[in-house]
Amino acid sequence: MQSGQQETEFDIDEARRVLADVFAPWVQDLGLSISVLDYARPAEAAADWQPGAILRMGFSERLCRHGGIVCGQALMALADTAMVIAILAANRGYRPMTTVDQTTHFMRAVASADVLADARVVRLGRSMSFGRVTLSSAADNKPVAMVSSAFAML
């Protein structure tokens, strides 16, 4: 680090900046917000604790197919974006990456409600990172999809 340079901590404000500055404009059009970043293990954490992030996608008719059902494409984009933010939180800083694989299991429709994405990093590696995301309806907090993903770290 050069003299006079301060190390930037990857906090929720930095995550919000990355969301606004790095992602494609159509991803920004999803209206995502970052609610939580978990990167430091709390003292009372369970043995299976994993770093991660929670994002919210606000409901919009523009994201729906016929009948007011939030479309799968929007849900998959939410999960992918949430996992990127979770990996950045676990890494404690920005690092370019690209999605290698994403498997989505849709469990039920979500209609006329915001969607929450709870993204957790299963393994943070130098060349590959892996995670899982639970998508839930904000109306009743019931899961609507489960997603597993792999990312190549660039």
N, C-alpha and C. Protein backbone atom coordinates (compact mmCIF):
# COMPACT_ATOMS: atom_id res chain seq x y z
N MET A 1 0.85 -1.17 0.00
CA MET A 1 0.00 0.00 0.00
C MET A 1 0.89 1.23 0.00
N GLN A 2 0.58 2.20 -0.84
CA GLN A 2 1.38 3.41 -0.93
C GLN A 2 1.08 4.32 0.25
N SER A 3 2.06 5.16 0.57
CA SER A 3 1.89 6.12 1.65
C SER A 3 0.70 7.03 1.36
N GLY A 4 -0.13 7.27 2.37
CA GLY A 4 -1.27 8.14 2.22
C GLY A 4 -2.52 7.44 1.71
N GLN A 5 -2.37 6.20 1.25
CA GLN A 5 -3.52 5.44 0.77
C GLN A 5 -4.16 4.72 1.94
N GLN A 6 -5.47 4.75 2.02
CA GLN A 6 -6.17 4.02 3.06
C GLN A 6 -6.78 2.78 2.46
N GLU A 7 -6.71 1.69 3.21
CA GLU A 7 -7.36 0.47 2.77
C GLU A 7 -8.86 0.64 2.92
N THR A 8 -9.61 0.34 1.86
CA THR A 8 -11.06 0.46 1.89
C THR A 8 -11.64 -0.82 2.43
N GLU A 9 -12.45 -0.71 3.49
CA GLU A 9 -13.12 -1.88 4.03
C GLU A 9 -14.37 -2.14 3.19
N PHE A 10 -14.63 -3.41 2.91
CA PHE A 10 -15.81 -3.74 2.14
C PHE A 10 -16.98 -3.83 3.11
N ASP A 11 -17.68 -2.72 3.22
CA ASP A 11 -18.86 -2.65 4.09
C ASP A 11 -20.10 -2.49 3.22
N ILE A 12 -21.24 -2.29 3.85
CA ILE A 12 -22.49 -2.23 3.09
C ILE A 12 -22.51 -1.03 2.14
N ASP A 13 -21.88 0.08 2.52
CA ASP A 13 -21.83 1.23 1.61
C ASP A 13 -21.00 0.91 0.37
N GLU A 14 -19.88 0.23 0.55
CA GLU A 14 -19.05 -0.17 -0.59
C GLU A 14 -19.80 -1.19 -1.45
N ALA A 15 -20.52 -2.10 -0.83
CA ALA A 15 -21.30 -3.08 -1.60
C ALA A 15 -22.37 -2.37 -2.43
N ARG A 16 -23.00 -1.38 -1.87
CA ARG A 16 -24.00 -0.61 -2.61
C ARG A 16 -23.36 0.15 -3.77
N ARG A 17 -22.15 0.65 -3.56
CA ARG A 17 -21.43 1.35 -4.64
C ARG A 17 -21.12 0.37 -5.77
N VAL A 18 -20.65 -0.83 -5.43
CA VAL A 18 -20.36 -1.84 -6.46
C VAL A 18 -21.64 -2.19 -7.21
N LEU A 19 -22.73 -2.38 -6.51
CA LEU A 19 -24.00 -2.71 -7.15
C LEU A 19 -24.40 -1.62 -8.15
N ALA A 20 -24.16 -0.37 -7.81
CA ALA A 20 -24.53 0.74 -8.68
C ALA A 20 -23.54 0.96 -9.83
N ASP A 21 -22.26 0.68 -9.60
CA ASP A 21 -21.23 1.03 -10.57
C ASP A 21 -20.74 -0.10 -11.45
N VAL A 22 -20.85 -1.34 -11.01
CA VAL A 22 -20.21 -2.46 -11.71
C VAL A 22 -21.20 -3.28 -12.53
N PHE A 23 -22.41 -3.45 -12.04
CA PHE A 23 -23.37 -4.32 -12.71
C PHE A 23 -23.99 -3.63 -13.93
N ALA A 24 -24.45 -4.44 -14.86
CA ALA A 24 -25.08 -3.93 -16.09
C ALA A 24 -26.32 -3.11 -15.75
N PRO A 25 -26.63 -2.12 -16.60
CA PRO A 25 -27.81 -1.27 -16.33
C PRO A 25 -29.10 -2.06 -16.17
N TRP A 26 -29.30 -3.15 -16.92
CA TRP A 26 -30.55 -3.90 -16.79
C TRP A 26 -30.64 -4.60 -15.44
N VAL A 27 -29.49 -4.95 -14.83
CA VAL A 27 -29.51 -5.53 -13.48
C VAL A 27 -29.92 -4.44 -12.49
N GLN A 28 -29.41 -3.23 -12.70
CA GLN A 28 -29.80 -2.11 -11.84
C GLN A 28 -31.30 -1.83 -11.95
N ASP A 29 -31.87 -2.09 -13.12
CA ASP A 29 -33.31 -1.89 -13.32
C ASP A 29 -34.17 -2.84 -12.49
N LEU A 30 -33.56 -3.89 -11.92
CA LEU A 30 -34.30 -4.82 -11.07
C LEU A 30 -34.69 -4.19 -9.73
N GLY A 31 -34.08 -3.06 -9.40
CA GLY A 31 -34.42 -2.38 -8.15
C GLY A 31 -33.92 -3.11 -6.92
N LEU A 32 -32.71 -3.67 -6.99
CA LEU A 32 -32.17 -4.44 -5.87
C LEU A 32 -31.63 -3.52 -4.78
N SER A 33 -31.77 -3.97 -3.55
CA SER A 33 -31.17 -3.26 -2.43
C SER A 33 -30.46 -4.29 -1.55
N ILE A 34 -29.40 -3.85 -0.91
CA ILE A 34 -28.61 -4.73 -0.03
C ILE A 34 -29.03 -4.44 1.41
N SER A 35 -29.52 -5.46 2.09
CA SER A 35 -29.98 -5.31 3.47
C SER A 35 -28.92 -5.67 4.49
N VAL A 36 -28.18 -6.75 4.21
CA VAL A 36 -27.24 -7.30 5.19
C VAL A 36 -25.99 -7.78 4.49
N LEU A 37 -24.82 -7.55 5.11
CA LEU A 37 -23.56 -8.19 4.73
C LEU A 37 -23.04 -8.91 5.96
N ASP A 38 -22.74 -10.19 5.80
CA ASP A 38 -22.17 -10.99 6.90
C ASP A 38 -20.79 -11.47 6.47
N TYR A 39 -19.74 -10.86 7.02
CA TYR A 39 -18.40 -11.30 6.64
C TYR A 39 -17.52 -11.63 7.84
N ALA A 40 -17.94 -11.27 9.02
CA ALA A 40 -17.18 -11.60 10.23
C ALA A 40 -18.03 -12.53 11.09
N ARG A 41 -17.46 -13.68 11.44
CA ARG A 41 -18.19 -14.66 12.25
C ARG A 41 -18.50 -14.09 13.63
N PRO A 42 -19.79 -14.02 13.96
CA PRO A 42 -20.16 -13.56 15.31
C PRO A 42 -19.70 -14.57 16.37
N ALA A 43 -19.44 -14.08 17.56
CA ALA A 43 -18.97 -14.96 18.64
C ALA A 43 -19.94 -16.09 18.92
N GLU A 44 -21.24 -15.83 18.81
CA GLU A 44 -22.26 -16.83 19.13
C GLU A 44 -22.68 -17.66 17.91
N ALA A 45 -21.95 -17.54 16.80
CA ALA A 45 -22.34 -18.23 15.55
C ALA A 45 -22.26 -19.74 15.69
N ALA A 46 -23.18 -20.40 15.00
CA ALA A 46 -23.18 -21.86 14.95
C ALA A 46 -21.98 -22.34 14.14
N ALA A 47 -21.64 -23.59 14.30
CA ALA A 47 -20.48 -24.17 13.61
C ALA A 47 -20.62 -24.11 12.10
N ASP A 48 -21.84 -24.12 11.59
CA ASP A 48 -22.06 -24.10 10.14
C ASP A 48 -22.26 -22.70 9.57
N TRP A 49 -21.92 -21.65 10.34
CA TRP A 49 -22.06 -20.27 9.88
C TRP A 49 -21.28 -20.06 8.59
N GLN A 50 -21.85 -19.29 7.67
CA GLN A 50 -21.18 -18.96 6.41
C GLN A 50 -21.34 -17.47 6.12
N PRO A 51 -20.30 -16.84 5.57
CA PRO A 51 -20.45 -15.43 5.19
C PRO A 51 -21.47 -15.29 4.07
N GLY A 52 -22.03 -14.09 3.95
CA GLY A 52 -23.01 -13.91 2.90
C GLY A 52 -23.61 -12.53 2.86
N ALA A 53 -24.75 -12.44 2.19
CA ALA A 53 -25.45 -11.17 2.01
C ALA A 53 -26.94 -11.44 1.82
N ILE A 54 -27.73 -10.46 2.18
CA ILE A 54 -29.17 -10.53 1.92
C ILE A 54 -29.54 -9.33 1.06
N LEU A 55 -30.15 -9.62 -0.09
CA LEU A 55 -30.61 -8.59 -1.01
C LEU A 55 -32.13 -8.68 -1.13
N ARG A 56 -32.73 -7.57 -1.50
CA ARG A 56 -34.18 -7.49 -1.72
C ARG A 56 -34.43 -6.98 -3.13
N MET A 57 -35.35 -7.66 -3.82
CA MET A 57 -35.81 -7.19 -5.12
C MET A 57 -37.24 -6.71 -4.92
N GLY A 58 -37.43 -5.41 -5.08
CA GLY A 58 -38.75 -4.83 -4.91
C GLY A 58 -39.70 -5.32 -6.00
N PHE A 59 -40.95 -5.53 -5.60
CA PHE A 59 -41.94 -6.00 -6.57
C PHE A 59 -42.19 -4.94 -7.63
N SER A 60 -42.30 -5.38 -8.87
CA SER A 60 -42.64 -4.51 -9.99
C SER A 60 -43.38 -5.34 -11.03
N GLU A 61 -44.43 -4.78 -11.58
CA GLU A 61 -45.17 -5.46 -12.66
C GLU A 61 -44.25 -5.74 -13.85
N ARG A 62 -43.21 -4.93 -14.03
CA ARG A 62 -42.27 -5.12 -15.14
C ARG A 62 -41.49 -6.43 -15.02
N LEU A 63 -41.47 -7.02 -13.83
CA LEU A 63 -40.74 -8.26 -13.60
C LEU A 63 -41.65 -9.48 -13.63
N CYS A 64 -42.90 -9.26 -14.00
CA CYS A 64 -43.90 -10.33 -13.92
C CYS A 64 -44.31 -10.84 -15.28
N ARG A 65 -44.70 -12.10 -15.27
CA ARG A 65 -45.37 -12.67 -16.43
C ARG A 65 -46.87 -12.54 -16.17
N HIS A 66 -47.68 -13.07 -17.05
CA HIS A 66 -49.13 -12.99 -16.91
C HIS A 66 -49.58 -13.49 -15.53
N GLY A 67 -50.45 -12.78 -14.91
CA GLY A 67 -50.99 -13.20 -13.63
C GLY A 67 -50.25 -12.62 -12.44
N GLY A 68 -49.32 -11.71 -12.66
CA GLY A 68 -48.60 -11.08 -11.55
C GLY A 68 -47.56 -11.97 -10.89
N ILE A 69 -47.12 -13.02 -11.59
CA ILE A 69 -46.10 -13.94 -11.07
C ILE A 69 -44.72 -13.41 -11.45
N VAL A 70 -43.84 -13.23 -10.47
CA VAL A 70 -42.47 -12.78 -10.76
C VAL A 70 -41.80 -13.84 -11.63
N CYS A 71 -41.23 -13.41 -12.76
CA CYS A 71 -40.67 -14.36 -13.73
C CYS A 71 -39.36 -14.98 -13.23
N GLY A 72 -39.13 -16.19 -13.69
CA GLY A 72 -37.94 -16.93 -13.31
C GLY A 72 -36.65 -16.23 -13.68
N GLN A 73 -36.64 -15.53 -14.81
CA GLN A 73 -35.43 -14.83 -15.24
C GLN A 73 -35.02 -13.76 -14.22
N ALA A 74 -35.99 -13.03 -13.68
CA ALA A 74 -35.69 -12.01 -12.68
C ALA A 74 -35.19 -12.66 -11.39
N LEU A 75 -35.80 -13.78 -11.01
CA LEU A 75 -35.36 -14.49 -9.80
C LEU A 75 -33.93 -15.01 -9.95
N MET A 76 -33.61 -15.53 -11.13
CA MET A 76 -32.26 -16.05 -11.36
C MET A 76 -31.22 -14.92 -11.37
N ALA A 77 -31.59 -13.77 -11.94
CA ALA A 77 -30.68 -12.62 -11.92
C ALA A 77 -30.47 -12.12 -10.50
N LEU A 78 -31.53 -12.11 -9.70
CA LEU A 78 -31.40 -11.72 -8.29
C LEU A 78 -30.44 -12.66 -7.57
N ALA A 79 -30.61 -13.97 -7.75
CA ALA A 79 -29.75 -14.94 -7.08
C ALA A 79 -28.29 -14.78 -7.50
N ASP A 80 -28.05 -14.60 -8.78
CA ASP A 80 -26.69 -14.43 -9.29
C ASP A 80 -26.04 -13.17 -8.71
N THR A 81 -26.76 -12.08 -8.70
CA THR A 81 -26.25 -10.82 -8.18
C THR A 81 -25.99 -10.91 -6.68
N ALA A 82 -26.91 -11.53 -5.95
CA ALA A 82 -26.74 -11.69 -4.50
C ALA A 82 -25.51 -12.52 -4.18
N MET A 83 -25.26 -13.55 -4.99
CA MET A 83 -24.10 -14.39 -4.74
C MET A 83 -22.80 -13.64 -5.01
N VAL A 84 -22.77 -12.80 -6.03
CA VAL A 84 -21.59 -11.98 -6.28
C VAL A 84 -21.31 -11.08 -5.08
N ILE A 85 -22.34 -10.41 -4.57
CA ILE A 85 -22.16 -9.53 -3.42
C ILE A 85 -21.70 -10.33 -2.20
N ALA A 86 -22.24 -11.52 -1.99
CA ALA A 86 -21.83 -12.37 -0.86
C ALA A 86 -20.36 -12.76 -0.98
N ILE A 87 -19.92 -13.11 -2.18
CA ILE A 87 -18.52 -13.48 -2.38
C ILE A 87 -17.61 -12.27 -2.14
N LEU A 88 -18.02 -11.10 -2.61
CA LEU A 88 -17.23 -9.89 -2.35
C LEU A 88 -17.14 -9.61 -0.85
N ALA A 89 -18.24 -9.84 -0.13
CA ALA A 89 -18.22 -9.65 1.33
C ALA A 89 -17.26 -10.63 1.99
N ALA A 90 -17.33 -11.90 1.58
CA ALA A 90 -16.44 -12.92 2.16
C ALA A 90 -14.98 -12.62 1.83
N ASN A 91 -14.76 -12.07 0.64
CA ASN A 91 -13.41 -11.70 0.18
C ASN A 91 -12.95 -10.38 0.80
N ARG A 92 -13.90 -9.65 1.36
CA ARG A 92 -13.68 -8.34 1.98
C ARG A 92 -13.11 -7.32 0.99
N GLY A 93 -13.62 -7.42 -0.23
CA GLY A 93 -13.23 -6.44 -1.24
C GLY A 93 -13.64 -6.88 -2.61
N TYR A 94 -13.57 -5.94 -3.53
CA TYR A 94 -13.96 -6.21 -4.91
C TYR A 94 -12.92 -7.10 -5.59
N ARG A 95 -13.42 -8.05 -6.34
CA ARG A 95 -12.58 -8.91 -7.16
C ARG A 95 -13.43 -9.35 -8.35
N PRO A 96 -12.93 -9.18 -9.57
CA PRO A 96 -13.71 -9.62 -10.72
C PRO A 96 -13.95 -11.13 -10.68
N MET A 97 -15.13 -11.52 -11.17
CA MET A 97 -15.48 -12.94 -11.23
C MET A 97 -16.51 -13.12 -12.32
N THR A 98 -16.74 -14.37 -12.69
CA THR A 98 -17.77 -14.67 -13.67
C THR A 98 -18.49 -15.94 -13.26
N THR A 99 -19.77 -15.99 -13.54
CA THR A 99 -20.57 -17.16 -13.21
C THR A 99 -20.18 -18.31 -14.12
N VAL A 100 -19.91 -19.47 -13.52
CA VAL A 100 -19.58 -20.69 -14.27
C VAL A 100 -20.80 -21.60 -14.35
N ASP A 101 -21.55 -21.66 -13.26
CA ASP A 101 -22.71 -22.54 -13.20
C ASP A 101 -23.72 -21.97 -12.23
N GLN A 102 -24.99 -22.12 -12.57
CA GLN A 102 -26.06 -21.75 -11.65
C GLN A 102 -27.21 -22.72 -11.87
N THR A 103 -27.59 -23.42 -10.81
CA THR A 103 -28.71 -24.35 -10.87
C THR A 103 -29.80 -23.82 -9.96
N THR A 104 -30.98 -23.67 -10.52
CA THR A 104 -32.11 -23.11 -9.78
C THR A 104 -33.23 -24.14 -9.69
N HIS A 105 -33.71 -24.35 -8.48
CA HIS A 105 -34.86 -25.22 -8.24
C HIS A 105 -36.00 -24.32 -7.77
N PHE A 106 -37.00 -24.14 -8.64
CA PHE A 106 -38.16 -23.34 -8.29
C PHE A 106 -39.13 -24.20 -7.50
N MET A 107 -39.58 -23.68 -6.35
CA MET A 107 -40.45 -24.46 -5.47
C MET A 107 -41.89 -23.99 -5.50
N ARG A 108 -42.10 -22.69 -5.69
CA ARG A 108 -43.46 -22.17 -5.78
C ARG A 108 -43.38 -20.77 -6.37
N ALA A 109 -44.50 -20.31 -6.86
CA ALA A 109 -44.56 -18.98 -7.47
C ALA A 109 -44.57 -17.90 -6.38
N VAL A 110 -44.06 -16.74 -6.76
CA VAL A 110 -44.18 -15.57 -5.89
C VAL A 110 -44.93 -14.52 -6.69
N ALA A 111 -45.97 -13.99 -6.08
CA ALA A 111 -46.82 -13.02 -6.76
C ALA A 111 -47.01 -11.78 -5.91
N SER A 112 -46.91 -10.63 -6.55
CA SER A 112 -47.22 -9.34 -5.91
C SER A 112 -46.48 -9.14 -4.59
N ALA A 113 -45.20 -9.54 -4.53
CA ALA A 113 -44.42 -9.37 -3.30
C ALA A 113 -42.94 -9.16 -3.64
N ASP A 114 -42.25 -8.45 -2.75
CA ASP A 114 -40.80 -8.35 -2.86
C ASP A 114 -40.21 -9.75 -2.68
N VAL A 115 -39.00 -9.94 -3.18
CA VAL A 115 -38.30 -11.21 -3.02
C VAL A 115 -36.99 -10.96 -2.29
N LEU A 116 -36.70 -11.81 -1.30
CA LEU A 116 -35.46 -11.74 -0.54
C LEU A 116 -34.52 -12.82 -1.02
N ALA A 117 -33.25 -12.48 -1.14
CA ALA A 117 -32.22 -13.44 -1.52
C ALA A 117 -31.20 -13.53 -0.39
N ASP A 118 -31.12 -14.68 0.25
CA ASP A 118 -30.14 -14.93 1.31
C ASP A 118 -29.03 -15.77 0.68
N ALA A 119 -27.92 -15.11 0.35
CA ALA A 119 -26.80 -15.75 -0.35
C ALA A 119 -25.70 -16.09 0.65
N ARG A 120 -25.22 -17.32 0.61
CA ARG A 120 -24.18 -17.79 1.52
C ARG A 120 -23.03 -18.41 0.74
N VAL A 121 -21.81 -18.07 1.15
CA VAL A 121 -20.61 -18.60 0.50
C VAL A 121 -20.26 -19.93 1.16
N VAL A 122 -20.30 -20.98 0.37
CA VAL A 122 -19.96 -22.32 0.86
C VAL A 122 -18.46 -22.52 0.86
N ARG A 123 -17.80 -22.03 -0.20
CA ARG A 123 -16.34 -22.13 -0.29
C ARG A 123 -15.81 -20.94 -1.06
N LEU A 124 -14.88 -20.22 -0.47
CA LEU A 124 -14.21 -19.09 -1.12
C LEU A 124 -12.81 -19.55 -1.49
N GLY A 125 -12.54 -19.61 -2.78
CA GLY A 125 -11.23 -20.07 -3.23
C GLY A 125 -10.50 -19.02 -4.05
N ARG A 126 -9.25 -19.33 -4.39
CA ARG A 126 -8.45 -18.41 -5.21
C ARG A 126 -8.92 -18.39 -6.65
N SER A 127 -9.31 -19.58 -7.17
CA SER A 127 -9.71 -19.64 -8.57
C SER A 127 -11.20 -19.93 -8.76
N MET A 128 -11.83 -20.55 -7.78
CA MET A 128 -13.27 -20.86 -7.85
C MET A 128 -13.90 -20.61 -6.49
N SER A 129 -15.14 -20.14 -6.52
CA SER A 129 -15.91 -19.97 -5.29
C SER A 129 -17.30 -20.57 -5.52
N PHE A 130 -17.91 -21.06 -4.44
CA PHE A 130 -19.19 -21.77 -4.54
C PHE A 130 -20.15 -21.20 -3.50
N GLY A 131 -21.44 -21.19 -3.86
CA GLY A 131 -22.41 -20.66 -2.93
C GLY A 131 -23.79 -21.21 -3.14
N ARG A 132 -24.68 -20.81 -2.23
CA ARG A 132 -26.08 -21.20 -2.30
C ARG A 132 -26.92 -19.99 -1.93
N VAL A 133 -28.08 -19.91 -2.55
CA VAL A 133 -28.99 -18.79 -2.31
C VAL A 133 -30.37 -19.34 -2.06
N THR A 134 -31.02 -18.83 -1.03
CA THR A 134 -32.42 -19.14 -0.79
C THR A 134 -33.22 -17.89 -1.14
N LEU A 135 -34.13 -18.04 -2.08
CA LEU A 135 -35.03 -16.95 -2.45
C LEU A 135 -36.35 -17.15 -1.71
N SER A 136 -36.84 -16.09 -1.06
CA SER A 136 -38.08 -16.16 -0.29
C SER A 136 -38.98 -14.99 -0.62
N SER A 137 -40.27 -15.22 -0.50
CA SER A 137 -41.24 -14.14 -0.63
C SER A 137 -41.19 -13.29 0.63
N ALA A 138 -41.06 -11.99 0.47
CA ALA A 138 -41.05 -11.10 1.63
C ALA A 138 -42.42 -11.05 2.31
N ALA A 139 -43.46 -11.45 1.59
CA ALA A 139 -44.82 -11.40 2.15
C ALA A 139 -45.01 -12.42 3.27
N ASP A 140 -44.42 -13.62 3.10
CA ASP A 140 -44.62 -14.66 4.12
C ASP A 140 -43.33 -15.36 4.54
N ASN A 141 -42.20 -14.92 3.98
CA ASN A 141 -40.87 -15.46 4.29
C ASN A 141 -40.73 -16.95 3.96
N LYS A 142 -41.59 -17.47 3.07
CA LYS A 142 -41.49 -18.86 2.65
C LYS A 142 -40.61 -18.95 1.41
N PRO A 143 -39.78 -20.00 1.32
CA PRO A 143 -38.89 -20.15 0.17
C PRO A 143 -39.66 -20.32 -1.14
N VAL A 144 -39.13 -19.69 -2.18
CA VAL A 144 -39.69 -19.83 -3.52
C VAL A 144 -38.71 -20.52 -4.47
N ALA A 145 -37.40 -20.48 -4.14
CA ALA A 145 -36.40 -21.15 -4.98
C ALA A 145 -35.12 -21.36 -4.17
N MET A 146 -34.40 -22.40 -4.58
CA MET A 146 -33.07 -22.70 -4.03
C MET A 146 -32.10 -22.68 -5.19
N VAL A 147 -30.95 -22.04 -4.99
CA VAL A 147 -29.99 -21.87 -6.07
C VAL A 147 -28.60 -22.26 -5.58
N SER A 148 -27.89 -23.04 -6.40
CA SER A 148 -26.48 -23.31 -6.13
C SER A 148 -25.69 -22.76 -7.30
N SER A 149 -24.49 -22.26 -7.01
CA SER A 149 -23.72 -21.61 -8.07
C SER A 149 -22.22 -21.75 -7.85
N ALA A 150 -21.50 -21.59 -8.95
CA ALA A 150 -20.04 -21.61 -8.95
C ALA A 150 -19.55 -20.41 -9.74
N PHE A 151 -18.48 -19.81 -9.27
CA PHE A 151 -17.92 -18.62 -9.90
C PHE A 151 -16.42 -18.80 -10.10
N ALA A 152 -15.94 -18.41 -11.28
CA ALA A 152 -14.51 -18.36 -11.53
C ALA A 152 -14.01 -17.01 -11.06
N MET A 153 -12.99 -17.04 -10.22
CA MET A 153 -12.41 -15.79 -9.73
C MET A 153 -11.34 -15.37 -10.73
N LEU A 154 -11.47 -14.16 -11.23
CA LEU A 154 -10.58 -13.68 -12.30
C LEU A 154 -9.41 -12.91 -11.74
